Amino acid sequence: MADHNELGKLGEELAVEFLQKNGYTILETNWTFQKAEIDIIAQKENILAIVEVKTRSSLDFGLPQDFVKPKKIQLLVKAVNEYVFSKDLDIDVRFDIIAIHKEGKSFAIEHLINAFYHF
């Protein structure tokens, strides 16, 4: 069994592939600002998708989207504001979660659009 880190890395690769297949351009992966790290920043038309990737080896621990804490959301929002500002983007920002879990030998990928509201 892959360790947690390997699984996370694999999850991010799967998420990147999934987004590209769905017409997104990947701008950044693992973008950090202060204490926040954004897994994937992707763009589709005039939408900037801030994507948090959650990978689980099973669903025993509840749903992956339950793992994003309000504190983390605040950090993400700050980081995103900085990103948009520094790149001078005129763009709509959306927060998504890509939840990935192992199903037998393969992975199930769920893309939650507008996964949390940041106001």
PDB file of N, CA and C in Angstrom:
ATOM      1  N   MET A   1       0.843  -1.202   0.000  1.00  0.00           N
ATOM      2  CA  MET A   1       0.000   0.000   0.000  1.00  0.00           C
ATOM      3  C   MET A   1       0.883   1.259   0.000  1.00  0.00           C
ATOM      4  N   ALA A   2       0.588   2.172  -0.893  1.00  0.00           N
ATOM      5  CA  ALA A   2       1.356   3.420  -0.952  1.00  0.00           C
ATOM      6  C   ALA A   2       1.179   4.183   0.355  1.00  0.00           C
ATOM      7  N   ASP A   3       2.221   4.892   0.775  1.00  0.00           N
ATOM      8  CA  ASP A   3       2.047   5.682   1.987  1.00  0.00           C
ATOM      9  C   ASP A   3       1.220   6.927   1.665  1.00  0.00           C
ATOM     10  N   HIS A   4       0.829   7.612   2.710  1.00  0.00           N
ATOM     11  CA  HIS A   4      -0.100   8.731   2.585  1.00  0.00           C
ATOM     12  C   HIS A   4       0.383   9.762   1.569  1.00  0.00           C
ATOM     13  N   ASN A   5       1.670  10.076   1.629  1.00  0.00           N
ATOM     14  CA  ASN A   5       2.233  11.081   0.734  1.00  0.00           C
ATOM     15  C   ASN A   5       2.184  10.671  -0.723  1.00  0.00           C
ATOM     16  N   GLU A   6       2.508   9.404  -0.972  1.00  0.00           N
ATOM     17  CA  GLU A   6       2.478   8.896  -2.338  1.00  0.00           C
ATOM     18  C   GLU A   6       1.063   8.931  -2.879  1.00  0.00           C
ATOM     19  N   LEU A   7       0.133   8.559  -2.033  1.00  0.00           N
ATOM     20  CA  LEU A   7      -1.271   8.553  -2.421  1.00  0.00           C
ATOM     21  C   LEU A   7      -1.715   9.974  -2.761  1.00  0.00           C
ATOM     22  N   GLY A   8      -1.290  10.920  -1.945  1.00  0.00           N
ATOM     23  CA  GLY A   8      -1.630  12.315  -2.179  1.00  0.00           C
ATOM     24  C   GLY A   8      -1.068  12.818  -3.499  1.00  0.00           C
ATOM     25  N   LYS A   9       0.175  12.416  -3.779  1.00  0.00           N
ATOM     26  CA  LYS A   9       0.831  12.829  -5.020  1.00  0.00           C
ATOM     27  C   LYS A   9       0.103  12.233  -6.225  1.00  0.00           C
ATOM     28  N   LEU A  10      -0.232  10.983  -6.103  1.00  0.00           N
ATOM     29  CA  LEU A  10      -0.957  10.295  -7.157  1.00  0.00           C
ATOM     30  C   LEU A  10      -2.307  10.965  -7.377  1.00  0.00           C
ATOM     31  N   GLY A  11      -2.957  11.288  -6.274  1.00  0.00           N
ATOM     32  CA  GLY A  11      -4.254  11.955  -6.351  1.00  0.00           C
ATOM     33  C   GLY A  11      -4.153  13.266  -7.113  1.00  0.00           C
ATOM     34  N   GLU A  12      -3.110  14.031  -6.838  1.00  0.00           N
ATOM     35  CA  GLU A  12      -2.934  15.306  -7.529  1.00  0.00           C
ATOM     36  C   GLU A  12      -2.687  15.108  -9.022  1.00  0.00           C
ATOM     37  N   GLU A  13      -1.912  14.076  -9.356  1.00  0.00           N
ATOM     38  CA  GLU A  13      -1.666  13.796 -10.778  1.00  0.00           C
ATOM     39  C   GLU A  13      -2.964  13.417 -11.477  1.00  0.00           C
ATOM     40  N   LEU A  14      -3.767  12.598 -10.814  1.00  0.00           N
ATOM     41  CA  LEU A  14      -5.058  12.202 -11.386  1.00  0.00           C
ATOM     42  C   LEU A  14      -5.965  13.415 -11.554  1.00  0.00           C
ATOM     43  N   ALA A  15      -5.933  14.292 -10.562  1.00  0.00           N
ATOM     44  CA  ALA A  15      -6.778  15.489 -10.610  1.00  0.00           C
ATOM     45  C   ALA A  15      -6.370  16.405 -11.761  1.00  0.00           C
ATOM     46  N   VAL A  16      -5.064  16.578 -11.947  1.00  0.00           N
ATOM     47  CA  VAL A  16      -4.552  17.418 -13.031  1.00  0.00           C
ATOM     48  C   VAL A  16      -5.008  16.854 -14.382  1.00  0.00           C
ATOM     49  N   GLU A  17      -4.851  15.550 -14.538  1.00  0.00           N
ATOM     50  CA  GLU A  17      -5.258  14.874 -15.769  1.00  0.00           C
ATOM     51  C   GLU A  17      -6.748  15.064 -16.025  1.00  0.00           C
ATOM     52  N   PHE A  18      -7.521  14.869 -14.967  1.00  0.00           N
ATOM     53  CA  PHE A  18      -8.970  14.983 -15.036  1.00  0.00           C
ATOM     54  C   PHE A  18      -9.381  16.388 -15.481  1.00  0.00           C
ATOM     55  N   LEU A  19      -8.750  17.401 -14.878  1.00  0.00           N
ATOM     56  CA  LEU A  19      -9.080  18.789 -15.218  1.00  0.00           C
ATOM     57  C   LEU A  19      -8.712  19.099 -16.672  1.00  0.00           C
ATOM     58  N   GLN A  20      -7.525  18.641 -17.081  1.00  0.00           N
ATOM     59  CA  GLN A  20      -7.092  18.900 -18.458  1.00  0.00           C
ATOM     60  C   GLN A  20      -8.065  18.260 -19.453  1.00  0.00           C
ATOM     61  N   LYS A  21      -8.500  17.044 -19.148  1.00  0.00           N
ATOM     62  CA  LYS A  21      -9.470  16.369 -20.013  1.00  0.00           C
ATOM     63  C   LYS A  21     -10.757  17.156 -20.119  1.00  0.00           C
ATOM     64  N   ASN A  22     -11.071  17.889 -19.051  1.00  0.00           N
ATOM     65  CA  ASN A  22     -12.314  18.642 -19.024  1.00  0.00           C
ATOM     66  C   ASN A  22     -12.147  20.097 -19.462  1.00  0.00           C
ATOM     67  N   GLY A  23     -11.055  20.360 -20.148  1.00  0.00           N
ATOM     68  CA  GLY A  23     -10.887  21.671 -20.762  1.00  0.00           C
ATOM     69  C   GLY A  23     -10.284  22.762 -19.887  1.00  0.00           C
ATOM     70  N   TYR A  24      -9.691  22.371 -18.769  1.00  0.00           N
ATOM     71  CA  TYR A  24      -9.035  23.364 -17.915  1.00  0.00           C
ATOM     72  C   TYR A  24      -7.564  23.476 -18.284  1.00  0.00           C
ATOM     73  N   THR A  25      -7.028  24.677 -18.106  1.00  0.00           N
ATOM     74  CA  THR A  25      -5.587  24.889 -18.235  1.00  0.00           C
ATOM     75  C   THR A  25      -5.026  24.940 -16.823  1.00  0.00           C
ATOM     76  N   ILE A  26      -3.994  24.169 -16.561  1.00  0.00           N
ATOM     77  CA  ILE A  26      -3.381  24.163 -15.231  1.00  0.00           C
ATOM     78  C   ILE A  26      -2.373  25.304 -15.158  1.00  0.00           C
ATOM     79  N   LEU A  27      -2.601  26.233 -14.241  1.00  0.00           N
ATOM     80  CA  LEU A  27      -1.679  27.372 -14.097  1.00  0.00           C
ATOM     81  C   LEU A  27      -0.596  27.090 -13.066  1.00  0.00           C
ATOM     82  N   GLU A  28      -0.988  26.464 -11.975  1.00  0.00           N
ATOM     83  CA  GLU A  28      -0.028  26.198 -10.888  1.00  0.00           C
ATOM     84  C   GLU A  28      -0.403  24.900 -10.194  1.00  0.00           C
ATOM     85  N   THR A  29       0.590  24.225  -9.657  1.00  0.00           N
ATOM     86  CA  THR A  29       0.295  23.149  -8.707  1.00  0.00           C
ATOM     87  C   THR A  29       1.130  23.436  -7.473  1.00  0.00           C
ATOM     88  N   ASN A  30       0.580  23.096  -6.312  1.00  0.00           N
ATOM     89  CA  ASN A  30       1.253  23.320  -5.025  1.00  0.00           C
ATOM     90  C   ASN A  30       1.760  24.745  -4.898  1.00  0.00           C
ATOM     91  N   TRP A  31       0.888  25.678  -5.136  1.00  0.00           N
ATOM     92  CA  TRP A  31       1.247  27.087  -5.026  1.00  0.00           C
ATOM     93  C   TRP A  31       1.107  27.529  -3.579  1.00  0.00           C
ATOM     94  N   THR A  32       2.166  28.114  -3.028  1.00  0.00           N
ATOM     95  CA  THR A  32       2.140  28.481  -1.610  1.00  0.00           C
ATOM     96  C   THR A  32       2.212  29.976  -1.406  1.00  0.00           C
ATOM     97  N   PHE A  33       1.461  30.410  -0.411  1.00  0.00           N
ATOM     98  CA  PHE A  33       1.532  31.798   0.023  1.00  0.00           C
ATOM     99  C   PHE A  33       1.361  31.792   1.538  1.00  0.00           C
ATOM    100  N   GLN A  34       2.331  32.350   2.236  1.00  0.00           N
ATOM    101  CA  GLN A  34       2.317  32.305   3.707  1.00  0.00           C
ATOM    102  C   GLN A  34       2.062  30.869   4.157  1.00  0.00           C
ATOM    103  N   LYS A  35       0.974  30.644   4.914  1.00  0.00           N
ATOM    104  CA  LYS A  35       0.761  29.280   5.426  1.00  0.00           C
ATOM    105  C   LYS A  35      -0.157  28.446   4.539  1.00  0.00           C
ATOM    106  N   ALA A  36      -0.627  29.049   3.470  1.00  0.00           N
ATOM    107  CA  ALA A  36      -1.583  28.326   2.639  1.00  0.00           C
ATOM    108  C   ALA A  36      -0.891  27.641   1.474  1.00  0.00           C
ATOM    109  N   GLU A  37      -1.365  26.469   1.168  1.00  0.00           N
ATOM    110  CA  GLU A  37      -0.896  25.818  -0.040  1.00  0.00           C
ATOM    111  C   GLU A  37      -2.104  25.434  -0.874  1.00  0.00           C
ATOM    112  N   ILE A  38      -2.069  25.835  -2.124  1.00  0.00           N
ATOM    113  CA  ILE A  38      -3.171  25.503  -3.018  1.00  0.00           C
ATOM    114  C   ILE A  38      -2.703  24.357  -3.905  1.00  0.00           C
ATOM    115  N   ASP A  39      -3.476  23.285  -3.910  1.00  0.00           N
ATOM    116  CA  ASP A  39      -3.068  22.105  -4.672  1.00  0.00           C
ATOM    117  C   ASP A  39      -2.983  22.420  -6.164  1.00  0.00           C
ATOM    118  N   ILE A  40      -4.083  22.951  -6.705  1.00  0.00           N
ATOM    119  CA  ILE A  40      -4.108  23.236  -8.141  1.00  0.00           C
ATOM    120  C   ILE A  40      -4.832  24.551  -8.401  1.00  0.00           C
ATOM    121  N   ILE A  41      -4.231  25.375  -9.235  1.00  0.00           N
ATOM    122  CA  ILE A  41      -4.925  26.559  -9.734  1.00  0.00           C
ATOM    123  C   ILE A  41      -5.116  26.310 -11.226  1.00  0.00           C
ATOM    124  N   ALA A  42      -6.377  26.305 -11.648  1.00  0.00           N
ATOM    125  CA  ALA A  42      -6.673  25.995 -13.045  1.00  0.00           C
ATOM    126  C   ALA A  42      -7.600  27.055 -13.610  1.00  0.00           C
ATOM    127  N   GLN A  43      -7.575  27.177 -14.927  1.00  0.00           N
ATOM    128  CA  GLN A  43      -8.435  28.172 -15.544  1.00  0.00           C
ATOM    129  C   GLN A  43      -9.245  27.561 -16.668  1.00  0.00           C
ATOM    130  N   LYS A  44     -10.508  27.954 -16.732  1.00  0.00           N
ATOM    131  CA  LYS A  44     -11.368  27.554 -17.839  1.00  0.00           C
ATOM    132  C   LYS A  44     -12.179  28.781 -18.203  1.00  0.00           C
ATOM    133  N   GLU A  45     -12.030  29.249 -19.422  1.00  0.00           N
ATOM    134  CA  GLU A  45     -12.640  30.500 -19.845  1.00  0.00           C
ATOM    135  C   GLU A  45     -12.284  31.579 -18.819  1.00  0.00           C
ATOM    136  N   ASN A  46     -13.270  32.317 -18.280  1.00  0.00           N
ATOM    137  CA  ASN A  46     -12.859  33.368 -17.347  1.00  0.00           C
ATOM    138  C   ASN A  46     -13.090  32.954 -15.893  1.00  0.00           C
ATOM    139  N   ILE A  47     -12.930  31.672 -15.644  1.00  0.00           N
ATOM    140  CA  ILE A  47     -13.061  31.182 -14.266  1.00  0.00           C
ATOM    141  C   ILE A  47     -11.730  30.629 -13.790  1.00  0.00           C
ATOM    142  N   LEU A  48     -11.343  31.091 -12.616  1.00  0.00           N
ATOM    143  CA  LEU A  48     -10.148  30.567 -11.971  1.00  0.00           C
ATOM    144  C   LEU A  48     -10.635  29.555 -10.943  1.00  0.00           C
ATOM    145  N   ALA A  49     -10.281  28.307 -11.146  1.00  0.00           N
ATOM    146  CA  ALA A  49     -10.713  27.265 -10.213  1.00  0.00           C
ATOM    147  C   ALA A  49      -9.573  26.970  -9.248  1.00  0.00           C
ATOM    148  N   ILE A  50      -9.868  27.163  -7.980  1.00  0.00           N
ATOM    149  CA  ILE A  50      -8.913  26.860  -6.919  1.00  0.00           C
ATOM    150  C   ILE A  50      -9.293  25.475  -6.438  1.00  0.00           C
ATOM    151  N   VAL A  51      -8.417  24.528  -6.682  1.00  0.00           N
ATOM    152  CA  VAL A  51      -8.808  23.143  -6.447  1.00  0.00           C
ATOM    153  C   VAL A  51      -8.025  22.514  -5.306  1.00  0.00           C
ATOM    154  N   GLU A  52      -8.772  22.014  -4.367  1.00  0.00           N
ATOM    155  CA  GLU A  52      -8.227  21.285  -3.236  1.00  0.00           C
ATOM    156  C   GLU A  52      -8.409  19.802  -3.574  1.00  0.00           C
ATOM    157  N   VAL A  53      -7.322  19.055  -3.548  1.00  0.00           N
ATOM    158  CA  VAL A  53      -7.426  17.634  -3.886  1.00  0.00           C
ATOM    159  C   VAL A  53      -7.435  16.820  -2.604  1.00  0.00           C
ATOM    160  N   LYS A  54      -8.433  15.972  -2.477  1.00  0.00           N
ATOM    161  CA  LYS A  54      -8.529  15.116  -1.305  1.00  0.00           C
ATOM    162  C   LYS A  54      -8.483  13.673  -1.764  1.00  0.00           C
ATOM    163  N   THR A  55      -7.473  12.966  -1.324  1.00  0.00           N
ATOM    164  CA  THR A  55      -7.352  11.566  -1.723  1.00  0.00           C
ATOM    165  C   THR A  55      -7.488  10.685  -0.491  1.00  0.00           C
ATOM    166  N   ARG A  56      -8.305   9.681  -0.604  1.00  0.00           N
ATOM    167  CA  ARG A  56      -8.481   8.736   0.500  1.00  0.00           C
ATOM    168  C   ARG A  56      -8.351   7.325  -0.041  1.00  0.00           C
ATOM    169  N   SER A  57      -7.784   6.448   0.774  1.00  0.00           N
ATOM    170  CA  SER A  57      -7.694   5.069   0.308  1.00  0.00           C
ATOM    171  C   SER A  57      -9.048   4.381   0.439  1.00  0.00           C
ATOM    172  N   SER A  58      -9.934   4.973   1.252  1.00  0.00           N
ATOM    173  CA  SER A  58     -11.285   4.422   1.356  1.00  0.00           C
ATOM    174  C   SER A  58     -12.202   5.520   1.857  1.00  0.00           C
ATOM    175  N   LEU A  59     -13.477   5.226   1.923  1.00  0.00           N
ATOM    176  CA  LEU A  59     -14.412   6.241   2.419  1.00  0.00           C
ATOM    177  C   LEU A  59     -14.719   6.029   3.897  1.00  0.00           C
ATOM    178  N   ASP A  60     -13.941   5.174   4.551  1.00  0.00           N
ATOM    179  CA  ASP A  60     -14.208   4.868   5.959  1.00  0.00           C
ATOM    180  C   ASP A  60     -14.176   6.094   6.849  1.00  0.00           C
ATOM    181  N   PHE A  61     -13.434   7.119   6.438  1.00  0.00           N
ATOM    182  CA  PHE A  61     -13.261   8.264   7.322  1.00  0.00           C
ATOM    183  C   PHE A  61     -14.210   9.392   6.979  1.00  0.00           C
ATOM    184  N   GLY A  62     -15.340   9.060   6.383  1.00  0.00           N
ATOM    185  CA  GLY A  62     -16.263  10.116   5.997  1.00  0.00           C
ATOM    186  C   GLY A  62     -15.899  10.606   4.611  1.00  0.00           C
ATOM    187  N   LEU A  63     -16.574  11.632   4.186  1.00  0.00           N
ATOM    188  CA  LEU A  63     -16.378  12.122   2.833  1.00  0.00           C
ATOM    189  C   LEU A  63     -15.173  13.048   2.762  1.00  0.00           C
ATOM    190  N   PRO A  64     -14.413  12.947   1.677  1.00  0.00           N
ATOM    191  CA  PRO A  64     -13.215  13.793   1.556  1.00  0.00           C
ATOM    192  C   PRO A  64     -13.525  15.276   1.717  1.00  0.00           C
ATOM    193  N   GLN A  65     -14.690  15.710   1.247  1.00  0.00           N
ATOM    194  CA  GLN A  65     -14.976  17.144   1.327  1.00  0.00           C
ATOM    195  C   GLN A  65     -15.225  17.622   2.765  1.00  0.00           C
ATOM    196  N   ASP A  66     -15.347  16.691   3.698  1.00  0.00           N
ATOM    197  CA  ASP A  66     -15.512  17.110   5.097  1.00  0.00           C
ATOM    198  C   ASP A  66     -14.190  17.498   5.740  1.00  0.00           C
ATOM    199  N   PHE A  67     -13.099  17.373   5.001  1.00  0.00           N
ATOM    200  CA  PHE A  67     -11.795  17.587   5.613  1.00  0.00           C
ATOM    201  C   PHE A  67     -11.267  19.009   5.499  1.00  0.00           C
ATOM    202  N   VAL A  68     -12.015  19.875   4.844  1.00  0.00           N
ATOM    203  CA  VAL A  68     -11.524  21.243   4.694  1.00  0.00           C
ATOM    204  C   VAL A  68     -12.087  22.102   5.821  1.00  0.00           C
ATOM    205  N   LYS A  69     -11.208  22.543   6.680  1.00  0.00           N
ATOM    206  CA  LYS A  69     -11.623  23.291   7.873  1.00  0.00           C
ATOM    207  C   LYS A  69     -11.758  24.786   7.556  1.00  0.00           C
ATOM    208  N   PRO A  70     -12.673  25.457   8.275  1.00  0.00           N
ATOM    209  CA  PRO A  70     -12.870  26.897   8.052  1.00  0.00           C
ATOM    210  C   PRO A  70     -11.571  27.693   8.106  1.00  0.00           C
ATOM    211  N   LYS A  71     -10.696  27.335   9.032  1.00  0.00           N
ATOM    212  CA  LYS A  71      -9.414  28.029   9.164  1.00  0.00           C
ATOM    213  C   LYS A  71      -8.622  27.898   7.861  1.00  0.00           C
ATOM    214  N   LYS A  72      -8.635  26.716   7.319  1.00  0.00           N
ATOM    215  CA  LYS A  72      -7.910  26.463   6.074  1.00  0.00           C
ATOM    216  C   LYS A  72      -8.544  27.264   4.934  1.00  0.00           C
ATOM    217  N   ILE A  73      -9.846  27.340   4.934  1.00  0.00           N
ATOM    218  CA  ILE A  73     -10.548  28.102   3.905  1.00  0.00           C
ATOM    219  C   ILE A  73     -10.113  29.564   3.950  1.00  0.00           C
ATOM    220  N   GLN A  74     -10.020  30.125   5.153  1.00  0.00           N
ATOM    221  CA  GLN A  74      -9.569  31.521   5.293  1.00  0.00           C
ATOM    222  C   GLN A  74      -8.181  31.713   4.697  1.00  0.00           C
ATOM    223  N   LEU A  75      -7.285  30.773   4.990  1.00  0.00           N
ATOM    224  CA  LEU A  75      -5.927  30.854   4.456  1.00  0.00           C
ATOM    225  C   LEU A  75      -5.951  30.777   2.932  1.00  0.00           C
ATOM    226  N   LEU A  76      -6.771  29.874   2.411  1.00  0.00           N
ATOM    227  CA  LEU A  76      -6.867  29.726   0.962  1.00  0.00           C
ATOM    228  C   LEU A  76      -7.365  31.008   0.314  1.00  0.00           C
ATOM    229  N   VAL A  77      -8.380  31.605   0.918  1.00  0.00           N
ATOM    230  CA  VAL A  77      -8.958  32.831   0.360  1.00  0.00           C
ATOM    231  C   VAL A  77      -7.897  33.927   0.299  1.00  0.00           C
ATOM    232  N   LYS A  78      -7.121  34.051   1.377  1.00  0.00           N
ATOM    233  CA  LYS A  78      -6.050  35.044   1.411  1.00  0.00           C
ATOM    234  C   LYS A  78      -5.035  34.790   0.301  1.00  0.00           C
ATOM    235  N   ALA A  79      -4.650  33.539   0.168  1.00  0.00           N
ATOM    236  CA  ALA A  79      -3.666  33.156  -0.841  1.00  0.00           C
ATOM    237  C   ALA A  79      -4.184  33.461  -2.245  1.00  0.00           C
ATOM    238  N   VAL A  80      -5.439  33.141  -2.465  1.00  0.00           N
ATOM    239  CA  VAL A  80      -6.032  33.359  -3.782  1.00  0.00           C
ATOM    240  C   VAL A  80      -6.108  34.843  -4.114  1.00  0.00           C
ATOM    241  N   ASN A  81      -6.514  35.638  -3.133  1.00  0.00           N
ATOM    242  CA  ASN A  81      -6.559  37.083  -3.351  1.00  0.00           C
ATOM    243  C   ASN A  81      -5.188  37.588  -3.778  1.00  0.00           C
ATOM    244  N   GLU A  82      -4.167  37.097  -3.110  1.00  0.00           N
ATOM    245  CA  GLU A  82      -2.803  37.487  -3.423  1.00  0.00           C
ATOM    246  C   GLU A  82      -2.433  37.066  -4.851  1.00  0.00           C
ATOM    247  N   TYR A  83      -2.807  35.853  -5.203  1.00  0.00           N
ATOM    248  CA  TYR A  83      -2.493  35.335  -6.535  1.00  0.00           C
ATOM    249  C   TYR A  83      -3.147  36.188  -7.623  1.00  0.00           C
ATOM    250  N   VAL A  84      -4.442  36.426  -7.460  1.00  0.00           N
ATOM    251  CA  VAL A  84      -5.199  37.202  -8.441  1.00  0.00           C
ATOM    252  C   VAL A  84      -4.631  38.617  -8.559  1.00  0.00           C
ATOM    253  N   PHE A  85      -4.316  39.196  -7.398  1.00  0.00           N
ATOM    254  CA  PHE A  85      -3.775  40.552  -7.352  1.00  0.00           C
ATOM    255  C   PHE A  85      -2.396  40.619  -8.019  1.00  0.00           C
ATOM    256  N   SER A  86      -1.529  39.670  -7.668  1.00  0.00           N
ATOM    257  CA  SER A  86      -0.164  39.712  -8.194  1.00  0.00           C
ATOM    258  C   SER A  86      -0.131  39.460  -9.700  1.00  0.00           C
ATOM    259  N   LYS A  87      -1.093  38.712 -10.206  1.00  0.00           N
ATOM    260  CA  LYS A  87      -1.136  38.429 -11.646  1.00  0.00           C
ATOM    261  C   LYS A  87      -2.060  39.406 -12.377  1.00  0.00           C
ATOM    262  N   ASP A  88      -2.675  40.297 -11.597  1.00  0.00           N
ATOM    263  CA  ASP A  88      -3.575  41.287 -12.162  1.00  0.00           C
ATOM    264  C   ASP A  88      -4.653  40.643 -13.034  1.00  0.00           C
ATOM    265  N   LEU A  89      -5.302  39.636 -12.497  1.00  0.00           N
ATOM    266  CA  LEU A  89      -6.324  38.911 -13.246  1.00  0.00           C
ATOM    267  C   LEU A  89      -7.696  39.525 -13.036  1.00  0.00           C
ATOM    268  N   ASP A  90      -8.455  39.594 -14.112  1.00  0.00           N
ATOM    269  CA  ASP A  90      -9.842  40.025 -13.991  1.00  0.00           C
ATOM    270  C   ASP A  90     -10.656  38.779 -14.269  1.00  0.00           C
ATOM    271  N   ILE A  91     -11.019  38.094 -13.211  1.00  0.00           N
ATOM    272  CA  ILE A  91     -11.486  36.728 -13.387  1.00  0.00           C
ATOM    273  C   ILE A  91     -12.400  36.338 -12.236  1.00  0.00           C
ATOM    274  N   ASP A  92     -13.311  35.441 -12.485  1.00  0.00           N
ATOM    275  CA  ASP A  92     -14.153  34.926 -11.408  1.00  0.00           C
ATOM    276  C   ASP A  92     -13.437  33.782 -10.727  1.00  0.00           C
ATOM    277  N   VAL A  93     -13.468  33.791  -9.408  1.00  0.00           N
ATOM    278  CA  VAL A  93     -12.783  32.740  -8.665  1.00  0.00           C
ATOM    279  C   VAL A  93     -13.807  31.756  -8.112  1.00  0.00           C
ATOM    280  N   ARG A  94     -13.473  30.513  -8.228  1.00  0.00           N
ATOM    281  CA  ARG A  94     -14.358  29.469  -7.713  1.00  0.00           C
ATOM    282  C   ARG A  94     -13.511  28.465  -6.938  1.00  0.00           C
ATOM    283  N   PHE A  95     -14.046  27.968  -5.839  1.00  0.00           N
ATOM    284  CA  PHE A  95     -13.334  26.964  -5.044  1.00  0.00           C
ATOM    285  C   PHE A  95     -13.936  25.592  -5.294  1.00  0.00           C
ATOM    286  N   ASP A  96     -13.103  24.682  -5.726  1.00  0.00           N
ATOM    287  CA  ASP A  96     -13.577  23.328  -6.003  1.00  0.00           C
ATOM    288  C   ASP A  96     -12.822  22.334  -5.130  1.00  0.00           C
ATOM    289  N   ILE A  97     -13.427  21.190  -4.994  1.00  0.00           N
ATOM    290  CA  ILE A  97     -12.709  20.075  -4.376  1.00  0.00           C
ATOM    291  C   ILE A  97     -12.753  18.926  -5.371  1.00  0.00           C
ATOM    292  N   ILE A  98     -11.628  18.289  -5.556  1.00  0.00           N
ATOM    293  CA  ILE A  98     -11.645  17.041  -6.305  1.00  0.00           C
ATOM    294  C   ILE A  98     -11.393  15.940  -5.290  1.00  0.00           C
ATOM    295  N   ALA A  99     -12.401  15.120  -5.115  1.00  0.00           N
ATOM    296  CA  ALA A  99     -12.338  14.037  -4.138  1.00  0.00           C
ATOM    297  C   ALA A  99     -12.027  12.746  -4.887  1.00  0.00           C
ATOM    298  N   ILE A 100     -10.998  12.098  -4.445  1.00  0.00           N
ATOM    299  CA  ILE A 100     -10.564  10.876  -5.112  1.00  0.00           C
ATOM    300  C   ILE A 100     -10.511   9.765  -4.078  1.00  0.00           C
ATOM    301  N   HIS A 101     -11.144   8.659  -4.385  1.00  0.00           N
ATOM    302  CA  HIS A 101     -10.954   7.534  -3.477  1.00  0.00           C
ATOM    303  C   HIS A 101     -10.754   6.253  -4.264  1.00  0.00           C
ATOM    304  N   LYS A 102     -10.063   5.358  -3.605  1.00  0.00           N
ATOM    305  CA  LYS A 102      -9.725   4.090  -4.227  1.00  0.00           C
ATOM    306  C   LYS A 102     -10.953   3.201  -4.266  1.00  0.00           C
ATOM    307  N   GLU A 103     -11.186   2.631  -5.424  1.00  0.00           N
ATOM    308  CA  GLU A 103     -12.253   1.630  -5.544  1.00  0.00           C
ATOM    309  C   GLU A 103     -11.620   0.417  -6.187  1.00  0.00           C
ATOM    310  N   GLY A 104     -11.304  -0.562  -5.365  1.00  0.00           N
ATOM    311  CA  GLY A 104     -10.609  -1.731  -5.884  1.00  0.00           C
ATOM    312  C   GLY A 104      -9.259  -1.299  -6.430  1.00  0.00           C
ATOM    313  N   LYS A 105      -9.016  -1.615  -7.695  1.00  0.00           N
ATOM    314  CA  LYS A 105      -7.714  -1.288  -8.279  1.00  0.00           C
ATOM    315  C   LYS A 105      -7.698   0.094  -8.915  1.00  0.00           C
ATOM    316  N   SER A 106      -8.864   0.696  -9.068  1.00  0.00           N
ATOM    317  CA  SER A 106      -8.860   2.006  -9.720  1.00  0.00           C
ATOM    318  C   SER A 106      -9.327   3.096  -8.764  1.00  0.00           C
ATOM    319  N   PHE A 107      -9.465   4.298  -9.286  1.00  0.00           N
ATOM    320  CA  PHE A 107      -9.847   5.432  -8.455  1.00  0.00           C
ATOM    321  C   PHE A 107     -11.131   6.060  -8.958  1.00  0.00           C
ATOM    322  N   ALA A 108     -11.972   6.452  -8.042  1.00  0.00           N
ATOM    323  CA  ALA A 108     -13.172   7.199  -8.404  1.00  0.00           C
ATOM    324  C   ALA A 108     -12.867   8.674  -8.181  1.00  0.00           C
ATOM    325  N   ILE A 109     -13.200   9.498  -9.158  1.00  0.00           N
ATOM    326  CA  ILE A 109     -12.924  10.925  -9.068  1.00  0.00           C
ATOM    327  C   ILE A 109     -14.232  11.685  -9.076  1.00  0.00           C
ATOM    328  N   GLU A 110     -14.390  12.542  -8.104  1.00  0.00           N
ATOM    329  CA  GLU A 110     -15.592  13.354  -7.998  1.00  0.00           C
ATOM    330  C   GLU A 110     -15.159  14.813  -7.981  1.00  0.00           C
ATOM    331  N   HIS A 111     -15.710  15.621  -8.870  1.00  0.00           N
ATOM    332  CA  HIS A 111     -15.349  17.035  -8.926  1.00  0.00           C
ATOM    333  C   HIS A 111     -16.482  17.846  -8.320  1.00  0.00           C
ATOM    334  N   LEU A 112     -16.229  18.441  -7.168  1.00  0.00           N
ATOM    335  CA  LEU A 112     -17.251  19.248  -6.495  1.00  0.00           C
ATOM    336  C   LEU A 112     -16.997  20.708  -6.828  1.00  0.00           C
ATOM    337  N   ILE A 113     -17.893  21.253  -7.632  1.00  0.00           N
ATOM    338  CA  ILE A 113     -17.730  22.635  -8.077  1.00  0.00           C
ATOM    339  C   ILE A 113     -18.339  23.555  -7.043  1.00  0.00           C
ATOM    340  N   ASN A 114     -17.707  24.682  -6.777  1.00  0.00           N
ATOM    341  CA  ASN A 114     -18.194  25.589  -5.741  1.00  0.00           C
ATOM    342  C   ASN A 114     -18.370  24.856  -4.435  1.00  0.00           C
ATOM    343  N   ALA A 115     -17.335  24.153  -4.030  1.00  0.00           N
ATOM    344  CA  ALA A 115     -17.434  23.261  -2.888  1.00  0.00           C
ATOM    345  C   ALA A 115     -17.647  23.992  -1.587  1.00  0.00           C
ATOM    346  N   PHE A 116     -17.105  25.199  -1.479  1.00  0.00           N
ATOM    347  CA  PHE A 116     -17.417  25.966  -0.275  1.00  0.00           C
ATOM    348  C   PHE A 116     -17.495  27.441  -0.597  1.00  0.00           C
ATOM    349  N   TYR A 117     -18.323  28.099   0.138  1.00  0.00           N
ATOM    350  CA  TYR A 117     -18.493  29.524  -0.089  1.00  0.00           C
ATOM    351  C   TYR A 117     -17.565  30.251   0.826  1.00  0.00           C
ATOM    352  N   HIS A 118     -16.899  31.253   0.281  1.00  0.00           N
ATOM    353  CA  HIS A 118     -15.811  31.828   1.068  1.00  0.00           C
ATOM    354  C   HIS A 118     -16.177  33.176   1.664  1.00  0.00           C
ATOM    355  N   PHE A 119     -17.445  33.494   1.729  1.00  0.00           N
ATOM    356  CA  PHE A 119     -17.799  34.771   2.371  1.00  0.00           C
ATOM    357  C   PHE A 119     -18.645  34.522   3.607  1.00  0.00           C
TER     358      PHE A 119
END
